[in-house]
C-alpha atoms as a PDB file:
ATOM      1  CA  MET A   1     -42.404 -87.553-111.828  1.00  0.00           C
ATOM      2  CA  SER A   2     -44.886 -86.618-109.118  1.00  0.00           C
ATOM      3  CA  VAL A   3     -47.797 -88.833-108.119  1.00  0.00           C
ATOM      4  CA  HIS A   4     -50.109 -86.221-109.641  1.00  0.00           C
ATOM      5  CA  GLY A   5     -48.487 -86.447-113.063  1.00  0.00           C
ATOM      6  CA  PRO A   6     -45.472 -84.910-114.736  1.00  0.00           C
ATOM      7  CA  THR A   7     -44.498 -81.319-114.125  1.00  0.00           C
ATOM      8  CA  LEU A   8     -44.089 -79.015-117.105  1.00  0.00           C
ATOM      9  CA  GLU A   9     -40.318 -79.355-116.890  1.00  0.00           C
ATOM     10  CA  GLU A  10     -40.579 -83.158-116.784  1.00  0.00           C
ATOM     11  CA  SER A  11     -43.007 -83.108-119.698  1.00  0.00           C
ATOM     12  CA  ARG A  12     -40.687 -80.993-121.812  1.00  0.00           C
ATOM     13  CA  ALA A  13     -37.823 -83.388-121.070  1.00  0.00           C
ATOM     14  CA  ALA A  14     -40.007 -86.391-121.955  1.00  0.00           C
ATOM     15  CA  CYS A  15     -40.983 -84.877-125.320  1.00  0.00           C
ATOM     16  CA  GLU A  16     -37.355 -84.070-126.084  1.00  0.00           C
ATOM     17  CA  ALA A  17     -36.409 -87.664-125.266  1.00  0.00           C
ATOM     18  CA  ILE A  18     -39.105 -88.978-127.623  1.00  0.00           C
ATOM     19  CA  VAL A  19     -37.721 -86.909-130.487  1.00  0.00           C
ATOM     20  CA  ARG A  20     -34.135 -87.885-129.693  1.00  0.00           C
ATOM     21  CA  ARG A  21     -35.045 -91.579-129.569  1.00  0.00           C
ATOM     22  CA  ARG A  22     -37.469 -91.770-132.479  1.00  0.00           C
ATOM     23  CA  ALA A  23     -36.235 -89.140-134.971  1.00  0.00           C
ATOM     24  CA  LEU A  24     -32.598 -88.219-134.513  1.00  0.00           C
ATOM     25  CA  ASN A  25     -32.485 -86.167-137.739  1.00  0.00           C
ATOM     26  CA  PHE A  26     -35.440 -84.088-136.591  1.00  0.00           C
ATOM     27  CA  PHE A  27     -33.917 -83.780-133.139  1.00  0.00           C
ATOM     28  CA  HIS A  28     -30.740 -82.148-134.423  1.00  0.00           C
ATOM     29  CA  GLY A  29     -32.759 -79.847-136.672  1.00  0.00           C
ATOM     30  CA  LEU A  30     -35.269 -78.821-134.015  1.00  0.00           C
ATOM     31  CA  ARG A  31     -32.489 -78.116-131.527  1.00  0.00           C
ATOM     32  CA  LEU A  32     -31.499 -75.158-133.707  1.00  0.00           C
ATOM     33  CA  THR A  33     -34.711 -73.406-132.634  1.00  0.00           C
ATOM     34  CA  PRO A  34     -34.430 -71.320-129.444  1.00  0.00           C
ATOM     35  CA  GLU A  35     -36.613 -71.781-126.383  1.00  0.00           C
ATOM     36  CA  PRO A  36     -39.527 -71.704-125.749  1.00  0.00           C
ATOM     37  CA  GLU A  37     -40.296 -72.566-129.372  1.00  0.00           C
ATOM     38  CA  ARG A  38     -37.970 -75.576-129.264  1.00  0.00           C
ATOM     39  CA  SER A  39     -39.935 -77.282-126.498  1.00  0.00           C
ATOM     40  CA  SER A  40     -43.174 -76.566-128.353  1.00  0.00           C
ATOM     41  CA  LEU A  41     -41.808 -78.266-131.465  1.00  0.00           C
ATOM     42  CA  PHE A  42     -40.703 -81.264-129.404  1.00  0.00           C
ATOM     43  CA  ALA A  43     -44.220 -81.482-127.926  1.00  0.00           C
ATOM     44  CA  LEU A  44     -45.776 -81.289-131.390  1.00  0.00           C
ATOM     45  CA  TYR A  45     -43.568 -84.125-132.606  1.00  0.00           C
ATOM     46  CA  ALA A  46     -44.385 -86.228-129.520  1.00  0.00           C
ATOM     47  CA  TRP A  47     -48.098 -85.822-130.281  1.00  0.00           C
ATOM     48  CA  MET A  48     -47.591 -86.838-133.933  1.00  0.00           C
ATOM     49  CA  ARG A  49     -45.505 -89.832-132.860  1.00  0.00           C
ATOM     50  CA  GLU A  50     -48.302 -91.003-130.580  1.00  0.00           C
ATOM     51  CA  VAL A  51     -50.836 -90.839-133.433  1.00  0.00           C
ATOM     52  CA  ASP A  52     -48.463 -92.724-135.734  1.00  0.00           C
ATOM     53  CA  ASP A  53     -47.873 -95.421-133.145  1.00  0.00           C
ATOM     54  CA  ILE A  54     -51.594 -95.969-132.578  1.00  0.00           C
ATOM     55  CA  VAL A  55     -52.277 -96.206-136.307  1.00  0.00           C
ATOM     56  CA  ASP A  56     -49.259 -98.419-136.989  1.00  0.00           C
ATOM     57  CA  ASP A  57     -50.121-100.815-134.180  1.00  0.00           C
ATOM     58  CA  GLY A  58     -52.675-102.590-136.357  1.00  0.00           C
ATOM     59  CA  GLY A  59     -54.349-104.307-133.416  1.00  0.00           C
ATOM     60  CA  ALA A  60     -58.035-104.954-132.965  1.00  0.00           C
ATOM     61  CA  GLU A  61     -58.290-102.039-130.548  1.00  0.00           C
ATOM     62  CA  ARG A  62     -56.672 -99.551-132.942  1.00  0.00           C
ATOM     63  CA  GLU A  63     -59.835 -97.591-133.788  1.00  0.00           C
ATOM     64  CA  ARG A  64     -60.917 -97.444-130.160  1.00  0.00           C
ATOM     65  CA  SER A  65     -57.447 -96.326-129.108  1.00  0.00           C
ATOM     66  CA  LEU A  66     -57.441 -93.632-131.780  1.00  0.00           C
ATOM     67  CA  GLU A  67     -60.879 -92.387-130.740  1.00  0.00           C
ATOM     68  CA  ALA A  68     -59.756 -92.193-127.121  1.00  0.00           C
ATOM     69  CA  PHE A  69     -56.592 -90.329-128.098  1.00  0.00           C
ATOM     70  CA  VAL A  70     -58.586 -87.865-130.211  1.00  0.00           C
ATOM     71  CA  ALA A  71     -60.887 -87.232-127.247  1.00  0.00           C
ATOM     72  CA  ARG A  72     -57.885 -86.508-125.029  1.00  0.00           C
ATOM     73  CA  THR A  73     -56.466 -84.235-127.712  1.00  0.00           C
ATOM     74  CA  GLU A  74     -59.708 -82.224-127.743  1.00  0.00           C
ATOM     75  CA  ILE A  75     -59.317 -81.699-123.999  1.00  0.00           C
ATOM     76  CA  ALA A  76     -55.747 -80.528-124.525  1.00  0.00           C
ATOM     77  CA  LEU A  77     -56.686 -78.234-127.418  1.00  0.00           C
ATOM     78  CA  ALA A  78     -59.146 -76.547-125.056  1.00  0.00           C
ATOM     79  CA  GLY A  79     -56.226 -75.784-122.755  1.00  0.00           C
ATOM     80  CA  ASN A  80     -56.877 -78.508-120.189  1.00  0.00           C
ATOM     81  CA  LEU A  81     -54.757 -81.492-119.148  1.00  0.00           C
ATOM     82  CA  PRO A  82     -56.023 -84.982-120.063  1.00  0.00           C
ATOM     83  CA  ASP A  83     -55.965 -87.324-117.091  1.00  0.00           C
ATOM     84  CA  ASP A  84     -54.312 -90.371-118.698  1.00  0.00           C
ATOM     85  CA  GLY A  85     -50.900 -89.518-117.271  1.00  0.00           C
ATOM     86  CA  HIS A  86     -49.035 -89.411-120.596  1.00  0.00           C
ATOM     87  CA  PRO A  87     -45.917 -87.295-120.001  1.00  0.00           C
ATOM     88  CA  MET A  88     -46.317 -85.229-123.177  1.00  0.00           C
ATOM     89  CA  TRP A  89     -49.572 -83.484-122.238  1.00  0.00           C
ATOM     90  CA  PRO A  90     -48.310 -80.595-120.048  1.00  0.00           C
ATOM     91  CA  ALA A  91     -45.807 -79.518-122.720  1.00  0.00           C
ATOM     92  CA  PHE A  92     -48.376 -80.046-125.476  1.00  0.00           C
ATOM     93  CA  VAL A  93     -51.002 -77.930-123.687  1.00  0.00           C
ATOM     94  CA  GLU A  94     -48.408 -75.244-123.043  1.00  0.00           C
ATOM     95  CA  ALA A  95     -47.548 -75.160-126.772  1.00  0.00           C
ATOM     96  CA  VAL A  96     -51.222 -74.934-127.776  1.00  0.00           C
ATOM     97  CA  VAL A  97     -51.934 -72.105-125.347  1.00  0.00           C
ATOM     98  CA  ARG A  98     -48.692 -70.172-125.806  1.00  0.00           C
ATOM     99  CA  HIS A  99     -48.882 -70.138-129.599  1.00  0.00           C
ATOM    100  CA  ARG A 100     -52.694 -70.149-129.910  1.00  0.00           C
ATOM    101  CA  LEU A 101     -52.542 -73.221-132.148  1.00  0.00           C
ATOM    102  CA  PRO A 102     -55.810 -73.895-133.978  1.00  0.00           C
ATOM    103  CA  ALA A 103     -57.533 -77.258-133.762  1.00  0.00           C
ATOM    104  CA  GLU A 104     -58.124 -77.813-137.476  1.00  0.00           C
ATOM    105  CA  PRO A 105     -54.550 -78.828-138.462  1.00  0.00           C
ATOM    106  CA  PHE A 106     -54.611 -81.472-135.728  1.00  0.00           C
ATOM    107  CA  HIS A 107     -57.988 -82.700-136.977  1.00  0.00           C
ATOM    108  CA  ASP A 108     -56.632 -82.853-140.532  1.00  0.00           C
ATOM    109  CA  MET A 109     -53.594 -84.847-139.427  1.00  0.00           C
ATOM    110  CA  VAL A 110     -55.839 -87.419-137.777  1.00  0.00           C
ATOM    111  CA  ARG A 111     -58.010 -87.545-140.920  1.00  0.00           C
ATOM    112  CA  GLY A 112     -54.894 -88.171-142.972  1.00  0.00           C
ATOM    113  CA  GLN A 113     -53.863 -90.997-140.689  1.00  0.00           C
ATOM    114  CA  ARG A 114     -57.348 -92.494-140.840  1.00  0.00           C
ATOM    115  CA  ASP A 115     -57.325 -92.275-144.633  1.00  0.00           C
ATOM    116  CA  ASP A 116     -54.022 -94.136-144.646  1.00  0.00           C
ATOM    117  CA  LEU A 117     -55.509 -97.074-142.736  1.00  0.00           C
ATOM    118  CA  ASP A 118     -57.446 -98.280-145.779  1.00  0.00           C
ATOM    119  CA  LEU A 119     -55.360 -96.669-148.503  1.00  0.00           C
ATOM    120  CA  GLU A 120     -53.757 -98.879-151.137  1.00  0.00           C
ATOM    121  CA  THR A 121     -53.390 -96.483-154.068  1.00  0.00           C
ATOM    122  CA  LEU A 122     -54.129 -92.870-154.975  1.00  0.00           C
ATOM    123  CA  PRO A 123     -55.890 -92.233-158.285  1.00  0.00           C
ATOM    124  CA  ASP A 124     -54.321 -88.920-159.307  1.00  0.00           C
ATOM    125  CA  TRP A 125     -52.350 -85.848-158.293  1.00  0.00           C
ATOM    126  CA  ALA A 126     -55.380 -84.172-156.719  1.00  0.00           C
ATOM    127  CA  ALA A 127     -55.798 -87.083-154.308  1.00  0.00           C
ATOM    128  CA  LEU A 128     -52.068 -87.205-153.590  1.00  0.00           C
ATOM    129  CA  ARG A 129     -51.936 -83.454-153.015  1.00  0.00           C
ATOM    130  CA  GLU A 130     -54.757 -83.638-150.486  1.00  0.00           C
ATOM    131  CA  PHE A 131     -53.040 -86.519-148.726  1.00  0.00           C
ATOM    132  CA  CYS A 132     -49.802 -84.489-148.599  1.00  0.00           C
ATOM    133  CA  ARG A 133     -51.696 -81.470-147.273  1.00  0.00           C
ATOM    134  CA  ARG A 134     -53.202 -83.491-144.449  1.00  0.00           C
ATOM    135  CA  VAL A 135     -50.116 -85.374-143.306  1.00  0.00           C
ATOM    136  CA  ALA A 136     -47.375 -82.820-144.072  1.00  0.00           C
ATOM    137  CA  SER A 137     -48.668 -79.306-144.744  1.00  0.00           C
ATOM    138  CA  THR A 138     -50.586 -79.339-141.469  1.00  0.00           C
ATOM    139  CA  VAL A 139     -47.294 -79.939-139.664  1.00  0.00           C
ATOM    140  CA  GLY A 140     -45.726 -77.061-141.577  1.00  0.00           C
ATOM    141  CA  GLU A 141     -48.570 -74.744-140.632  1.00  0.00           C
ATOM    142  CA  LEU A 142     -48.241 -75.584-136.944  1.00  0.00           C
ATOM    143  CA  CYS A 143     -44.468 -75.142-137.074  1.00  0.00           C
ATOM    144  CA  VAL A 144     -44.642 -71.661-138.603  1.00  0.00           C
ATOM    145  CA  ARG A 145     -47.280 -70.692-136.066  1.00  0.00           C
ATOM    146  CA  ILE A 146     -44.940 -71.824-133.294  1.00  0.00           C
ATOM    147  CA  TRP A 147     -42.205 -69.769-134.960  1.00  0.00           C
ATOM    148  CA  GLY A 148     -44.483 -66.728-134.769  1.00  0.00           C
ATOM    149  CA  LEU A 149     -46.170 -66.484-138.172  1.00  0.00           C
ATOM    150  CA  ASP A 150     -49.917 -66.756-138.687  1.00  0.00           C
ATOM    151  CA  ASP A 151     -50.576 -64.574-141.725  1.00  0.00           C
ATOM    152  CA  PRO A 152     -52.221 -66.112-144.821  1.00  0.00           C
ATOM    153  CA  VAL A 153     -49.117 -65.781-147.016  1.00  0.00           C
ATOM    154  CA  SER A 154     -46.900 -67.627-144.536  1.00  0.00           C
ATOM    155  CA  ILE A 155     -49.506 -70.357-144.024  1.00  0.00           C
ATOM    156  CA  ASP A 156     -49.773 -70.813-147.794  1.00  0.00           C
ATOM    157  CA  LEU A 157     -45.979 -71.040-148.123  1.00  0.00           C
ATOM    158  CA  ALA A 158     -45.898 -73.618-145.317  1.00  0.00           C
ATOM    159  CA  GLU A 159     -48.508 -75.668-147.164  1.00  0.00           C
ATOM    160  CA  ARG A 160     -46.390 -75.600-150.316  1.00  0.00           C
ATOM    161  CA  ARG A 161     -43.293 -76.631-148.366  1.00  0.00           C
ATOM    162  CA  GLY A 162     -45.193 -79.604-146.982  1.00  0.00           C
ATOM    163  CA  ILE A 163     -46.204 -80.530-150.519  1.00  0.00           C
ATOM    164  CA  ALA A 164     -42.506 -80.531-151.375  1.00  0.00           C
ATOM    165  CA  PHE A 165     -41.424 -82.622-148.384  1.00  0.00           C
ATOM    166  CA  GLN A 166     -44.052 -85.370-148.596  1.00  0.00           C
ATOM    167  CA  PRO A 167     -43.543 -86.342-152.279  1.00  0.00           C
ATOM    168  CA  THR A 168     -39.822 -86.446-151.490  1.00  0.00           C
ATOM    169  CA  ASN A 169     -40.635 -88.936-148.733  1.00  0.00           C
ATOM    170  CA  ILE A 170     -42.827 -90.917-151.103  1.00  0.00           C
ATOM    171  CA  LEU A 171     -40.109 -91.211-153.740  1.00  0.00           C
ATOM    172  CA  ARG A 172     -37.571 -92.137-151.074  1.00  0.00           C
ATOM    173  CA  ASP A 173     -39.829 -94.818-149.561  1.00  0.00           C
ATOM    174  CA  VAL A 174     -41.385 -96.451-152.648  1.00  0.00           C
ATOM    175  CA  ARG A 175     -40.063 -99.908-151.793  1.00  0.00           C
ATOM    176  CA  GLU A 176     -40.900 -99.730-148.086  1.00  0.00           C
ATOM    177  CA  ASP A 177     -44.405 -98.414-148.757  1.00  0.00           C
ATOM    178  CA  HIS A 178     -45.059-101.135-151.326  1.00  0.00           C
ATOM    179  CA  ALA A 179     -44.046-103.752-148.762  1.00  0.00           C
ATOM    180  CA  ARG A 180     -46.754-102.296-146.513  1.00  0.00           C
ATOM    181  CA  GLY A 181     -49.344-102.539-149.277  1.00  0.00           C
ATOM    182  CA  ARG A 182     -49.226 -98.829-150.149  1.00  0.00           C
ATOM    183  CA  VAL A 183     -48.523 -97.084-153.463  1.00  0.00           C
ATOM    184  CA  TYR A 184     -48.722 -93.316-153.067  1.00  0.00           C
ATOM    185  CA  LEU A 185     -47.642 -92.484-156.634  1.00  0.00           C
ATOM    186  CA  PRO A 186     -50.559 -91.270-158.789  1.00  0.00           C
ATOM    187  CA  GLN A 187     -52.071 -94.215-160.633  1.00  0.00           C
ATOM    188  CA  ASP A 188     -53.163 -92.214-163.671  1.00  0.00           C
ATOM    189  CA  GLU A 189     -49.609 -90.907-164.152  1.00  0.00           C
ATOM    190  CA  LEU A 190     -48.135 -94.381-163.814  1.00  0.00           C
ATOM    191  CA  GLN A 191     -50.545 -95.592-166.489  1.00  0.00           C
ATOM    192  CA  ALA A 192     -49.828 -92.629-168.764  1.00  0.00           C
ATOM    193  CA  ALA A 193     -46.104 -93.332-168.451  1.00  0.00           C
ATOM    194  CA  GLY A 194     -46.706 -96.999-169.284  1.00  0.00           C
ATOM    195  CA  VAL A 195     -45.070 -98.298-166.114  1.00  0.00           C
ATOM    196  CA  SER A 196     -46.241-100.210-163.059  1.00  0.00           C
ATOM    197  CA  ILE A 197     -44.995-100.179-159.497  1.00  0.00           C
ATOM    198  CA  GLU A 198     -43.350-103.524-160.251  1.00  0.00           C
ATOM    199  CA  ASP A 199     -41.517-101.927-163.172  1.00  0.00           C
ATOM    200  CA  LEU A 200     -40.210 -99.211-160.847  1.00  0.00           C
ATOM    201  CA  LEU A 201     -39.091-101.598-158.143  1.00  0.00           C
ATOM    202  CA  GLY A 202     -37.391-103.858-160.666  1.00  0.00           C
ATOM    203  CA  TRP A 203     -36.301-100.926-162.865  1.00  0.00           C
ATOM    204  CA  SER A 204     -37.321-103.219-165.720  1.00  0.00           C
ATOM    205  CA  ARG A 205     -38.075-100.477-168.253  1.00  0.00           C
ATOM    206  CA  PRO A 206     -35.295 -97.993-167.482  1.00  0.00           C
ATOM    207  CA  ALA A 207     -36.178 -95.213-169.928  1.00  0.00           C
ATOM    208  CA  ALA A 208     -39.879 -95.131-169.046  1.00  0.00           C
ATOM    209  CA  CYS A 209     -39.177 -95.497-165.330  1.00  0.00           C
ATOM    210  CA  ALA A 210     -36.616 -92.693-165.395  1.00  0.00           C
ATOM    211  CA  ALA A 211     -39.003 -90.374-167.247  1.00  0.00           C
ATOM    212  CA  PHE A 212     -41.776 -91.052-164.749  1.00  0.00           C
ATOM    213  CA  VAL A 213     -39.559 -90.455-161.716  1.00  0.00           C
ATOM    214  CA  ALA A 214     -38.113 -87.297-163.285  1.00  0.00           C
ATOM    215  CA  ALA A 215     -41.636 -85.907-163.710  1.00  0.00           C
ATOM    216  CA  GLN A 216     -42.427 -86.599-160.051  1.00  0.00           C
ATOM    217  CA  CYS A 217     -39.190 -84.905-159.036  1.00  0.00           C
ATOM    218  CA  ARG A 218     -39.935 -81.833-161.153  1.00  0.00           C
ATOM    219  CA  ARG A 219     -43.289 -81.326-159.443  1.00  0.00           C
ATOM    220  CA  ALA A 220     -41.741 -81.617-155.984  1.00  0.00           C
ATOM    221  CA  ARG A 221     -38.940 -79.248-156.996  1.00  0.00           C
ATOM    222  CA  VAL A 222     -41.489 -76.639-158.105  1.00  0.00           C
ATOM    223  CA  HIS A 223     -42.995 -76.682-154.621  1.00  0.00           C
ATOM    224  CA  TYR A 224     -39.562 -76.170-153.042  1.00  0.00           C
ATOM    225  CA  GLU A 225     -39.033 -73.193-155.327  1.00  0.00           C
ATOM    226  CA  GLU A 226     -42.494 -71.739-154.773  1.00  0.00           C
ATOM    227  CA  SER A 227     -42.094 -71.945-150.993  1.00  0.00           C
ATOM    228  CA  ALA A 228     -38.563 -70.488-150.991  1.00  0.00           C
ATOM    229  CA  PRO A 229     -39.645 -67.088-149.521  1.00  0.00           C
ATOM    230  CA  LEU A 230     -40.790 -68.763-146.300  1.00  0.00           C
ATOM    231  CA  GLU A 231     -37.423 -68.725-144.497  1.00  0.00           C
ATOM    232  CA  ALA A 232     -36.997 -64.961-144.929  1.00  0.00           C
ATOM    233  CA  ARG A 233     -40.347 -64.356-143.228  1.00  0.00           C
ATOM    234  CA  LEU A 234     -39.176 -66.046-140.016  1.00  0.00           C
ATOM    235  CA  ARG A 235     -37.274 -64.118-137.399  1.00  0.00           C
ATOM    236  CA  PRO A 236     -33.547 -64.935-137.604  1.00  0.00           C
ATOM    237  CA  ALA A 237     -33.434 -67.112-134.468  1.00  0.00           C
ATOM    238  CA  CYS A 238     -36.063 -69.494-135.850  1.00  0.00           C
ATOM    239  CA  ARG A 239     -34.779 -69.630-139.405  1.00  0.00           C
ATOM    240  CA  PRO A 240     -31.951 -72.215-139.093  1.00  0.00           C
ATOM    241  CA  THR A 241     -34.236 -75.168-138.272  1.00  0.00           C
ATOM    242  CA  LEU A 242     -36.389 -74.766-141.368  1.00  0.00           C
ATOM    243  CA  TRP A 243     -33.337 -74.011-143.508  1.00  0.00           C
ATOM    244  CA  ALA A 244     -31.561 -77.196-142.331  1.00  0.00           C
ATOM    245  CA  MET A 245     -34.589 -79.467-142.679  1.00  0.00           C
ATOM    246  CA  THR A 246     -35.284 -78.118-146.147  1.00  0.00           C
ATOM    247  CA  ARG A 247     -31.689 -78.689-147.237  1.00  0.00           C
ATOM    248  CA  ILE A 248     -31.865 -82.287-146.025  1.00  0.00           C
ATOM    249  CA  TYR A 249     -35.120 -83.064-147.827  1.00  0.00           C
ATOM    250  CA  SER A 250     -34.113 -81.128-150.923  1.00  0.00           C
ATOM    251  CA  GLY A 251     -30.790 -82.969-150.879  1.00  0.00           C
ATOM    252  CA  ILE A 252     -32.584 -86.319-150.860  1.00  0.00           C
ATOM    253  CA  LEU A 253     -34.650 -85.189-153.828  1.00  0.00           C
ATOM    254  CA  GLY A 254     -31.454 -84.056-155.537  1.00  0.00           C
ATOM    255  CA  ARG A 255     -29.951 -87.516-155.193  1.00  0.00           C
ATOM    256  CA  ILE A 256     -33.037 -89.021-156.832  1.00  0.00           C
ATOM    257  CA  GLU A 257     -32.974 -86.378-159.578  1.00  0.00           C
ATOM    258  CA  SER A 258     -29.356 -87.204-160.362  1.00  0.00           C
ATOM    259  CA  ARG A 259     -30.028 -90.945-160.569  1.00  0.00           C
ATOM    260  CA  PRO A 260     -33.726 -91.893-160.626  1.00  0.00           C
ATOM    261  CA  ALA A 261     -32.940 -95.628-160.377  1.00  0.00           C
ATOM    262  CA  ARG A 262     -32.006 -95.047-156.732  1.00  0.00           C
ATOM    263  CA  ILE A 263     -35.671 -95.393-155.764  1.00  0.00           C
ATOM    264  CA  ALA A 264     -35.540 -99.077-156.763  1.00  0.00           C
ATOM    265  CA  GLY A 265     -32.864 -99.808-154.186  1.00  0.00           C
ATOM    266  CA  THR A 266     -32.503 -99.123-150.503  1.00  0.00           C
ATOM    267  CA  ARG A 267     -33.889 -95.968-148.944  1.00  0.00           C
ATOM    268  CA  VAL A 268     -32.210 -92.857-150.347  1.00  0.00           C
ATOM    269  CA  ARG A 269     -30.366 -90.983-147.616  1.00  0.00           C
ATOM    270  CA  LEU A 270     -27.898 -88.189-147.117  1.00  0.00           C
ATOM    271  CA  GLY A 271     -24.651 -89.253-145.520  1.00  0.00           C
ATOM    272  CA  THR A 272     -23.921 -88.327-141.914  1.00  0.00           C
ATOM    273  CA  PHE A 273     -21.079 -86.027-142.942  1.00  0.00           C
ATOM    274  CA  ARG A 274     -23.338 -84.047-145.266  1.00  0.00           C
ATOM    275  CA  LYS A 275     -26.008 -83.695-142.587  1.00  0.00           C
ATOM    276  CA  VAL A 276     -23.400 -82.502-140.100  1.00  0.00           C
ATOM    277  CA  CYS A 277     -22.218 -79.945-142.660  1.00  0.00           C
ATOM    278  CA  ILE A 278     -25.804 -78.745-143.130  1.00  0.00           C
ATOM    279  CA  ALA A 279     -26.199 -78.324-139.363  1.00  0.00           C
ATOM    280  CA  PHE A 280     -22.981 -76.319-139.078  1.00  0.00           C
ATOM    281  CA  GLU A 281     -23.965 -74.154-142.029  1.00  0.00           C
ATOM    282  CA  ALA A 282     -27.389 -73.540-140.486  1.00  0.00           C
ATOM    283  CA  LYS A 283     -25.763 -72.368-137.257  1.00  0.00           C
ATOM    284  CA  ARG A 284     -23.379 -70.117-139.184  1.00  0.00           C
ATOM    285  CA  LEU A 285     -26.203 -68.592-141.193  1.00  0.00           C
ATOM    286  CA  GLY A 286     -28.239 -68.144-138.020  1.00  0.00           C
ATOM    287  CA  ARG A 287     -25.475 -66.028-136.501  1.00  0.00           C
ATOM    288  CA  ARG A 288     -25.208 -63.999-139.709  1.00  0.00           C
ATOM    289  CA  TRP A 289     -28.960 -63.452-139.877  1.00  0.00           C
ATOM    290  CA  ALA A 290     -28.987 -62.350-136.229  1.00  0.00           C
ATOM    291  CA  ARG A 291     -26.170 -59.838-136.823  1.00  0.00           C
ATOM    292  CA  SER A 292     -27.931 -58.436-139.889  1.00  0.00           C
ATOM    293  CA  ALA A 293     -31.189 -58.061-137.979  1.00  0.00           C
ATOM    294  CA  ALA A 294     -29.407 -56.316-135.098  1.00  0.00           C
ATOM    295  CA  ALA A 295     -27.600 -53.957-137.491  1.00  0.00           C
ATOM    296  CA  SER A 296     -30.830 -52.948-139.200  1.00  0.00           C
ATOM    297  CA  ALA A 297     -32.806 -52.502-135.972  1.00  0.00           C
END
């Protein structure tokens, strides 16, 4: 890199490396998007990773570090380069300017991360839904804007897709989150079902635990179904990434639906072979979608 900071090309490469190193599943999915949108998605992920790392650090300087990062983000959202030398900023600023990304989703993501600092439980679905909107739907909104959609219907569908993805994550990560002192499952619904988080982790009341998990799965599944029209609104070249990521998350939910007790064990995953199959199918569908669009043009 130059003494004056990274070039745009170097910044794009740095963001891609962050995604490859920190989120290999996302990396393979995002690679299905063509340029320049692909680099913009990598830059968006690099920004989110930086926020996560600051919040997860847990040190005494965490709040000050977050405030400083937010201040630098405001500079970048105005189309200017922060002067801290972080390699992601040129690519991030390019993404913001190229796609006219609004500031509010970034603000909401930071609010969601701040909320999570002191969060131990969530009282009900309304609180969980707002948490999901801030930490997941905001990402969906920015992604569809990068893919070229900014109409109200598409933004609403992206919000619903985020509120499908995040509860899937929560069900997948119940044990890990509990170890961190977090329970994201709605407390009023746990109480109504007559189960505790300890019951779920020990699967000590199988029938009640299974009924509770099934209800959580049904709600997430509804949001997958309600957001199903989103892919068709994207231009064919940008469709495979969302299709593949949705199949992976929906597949994880499907594994939990088929055997709810899985949440009491190790993290629920899709096997490598299945993810490879999803990637190949996404590429195949992408070519088909492109041919259909060309034929109808």
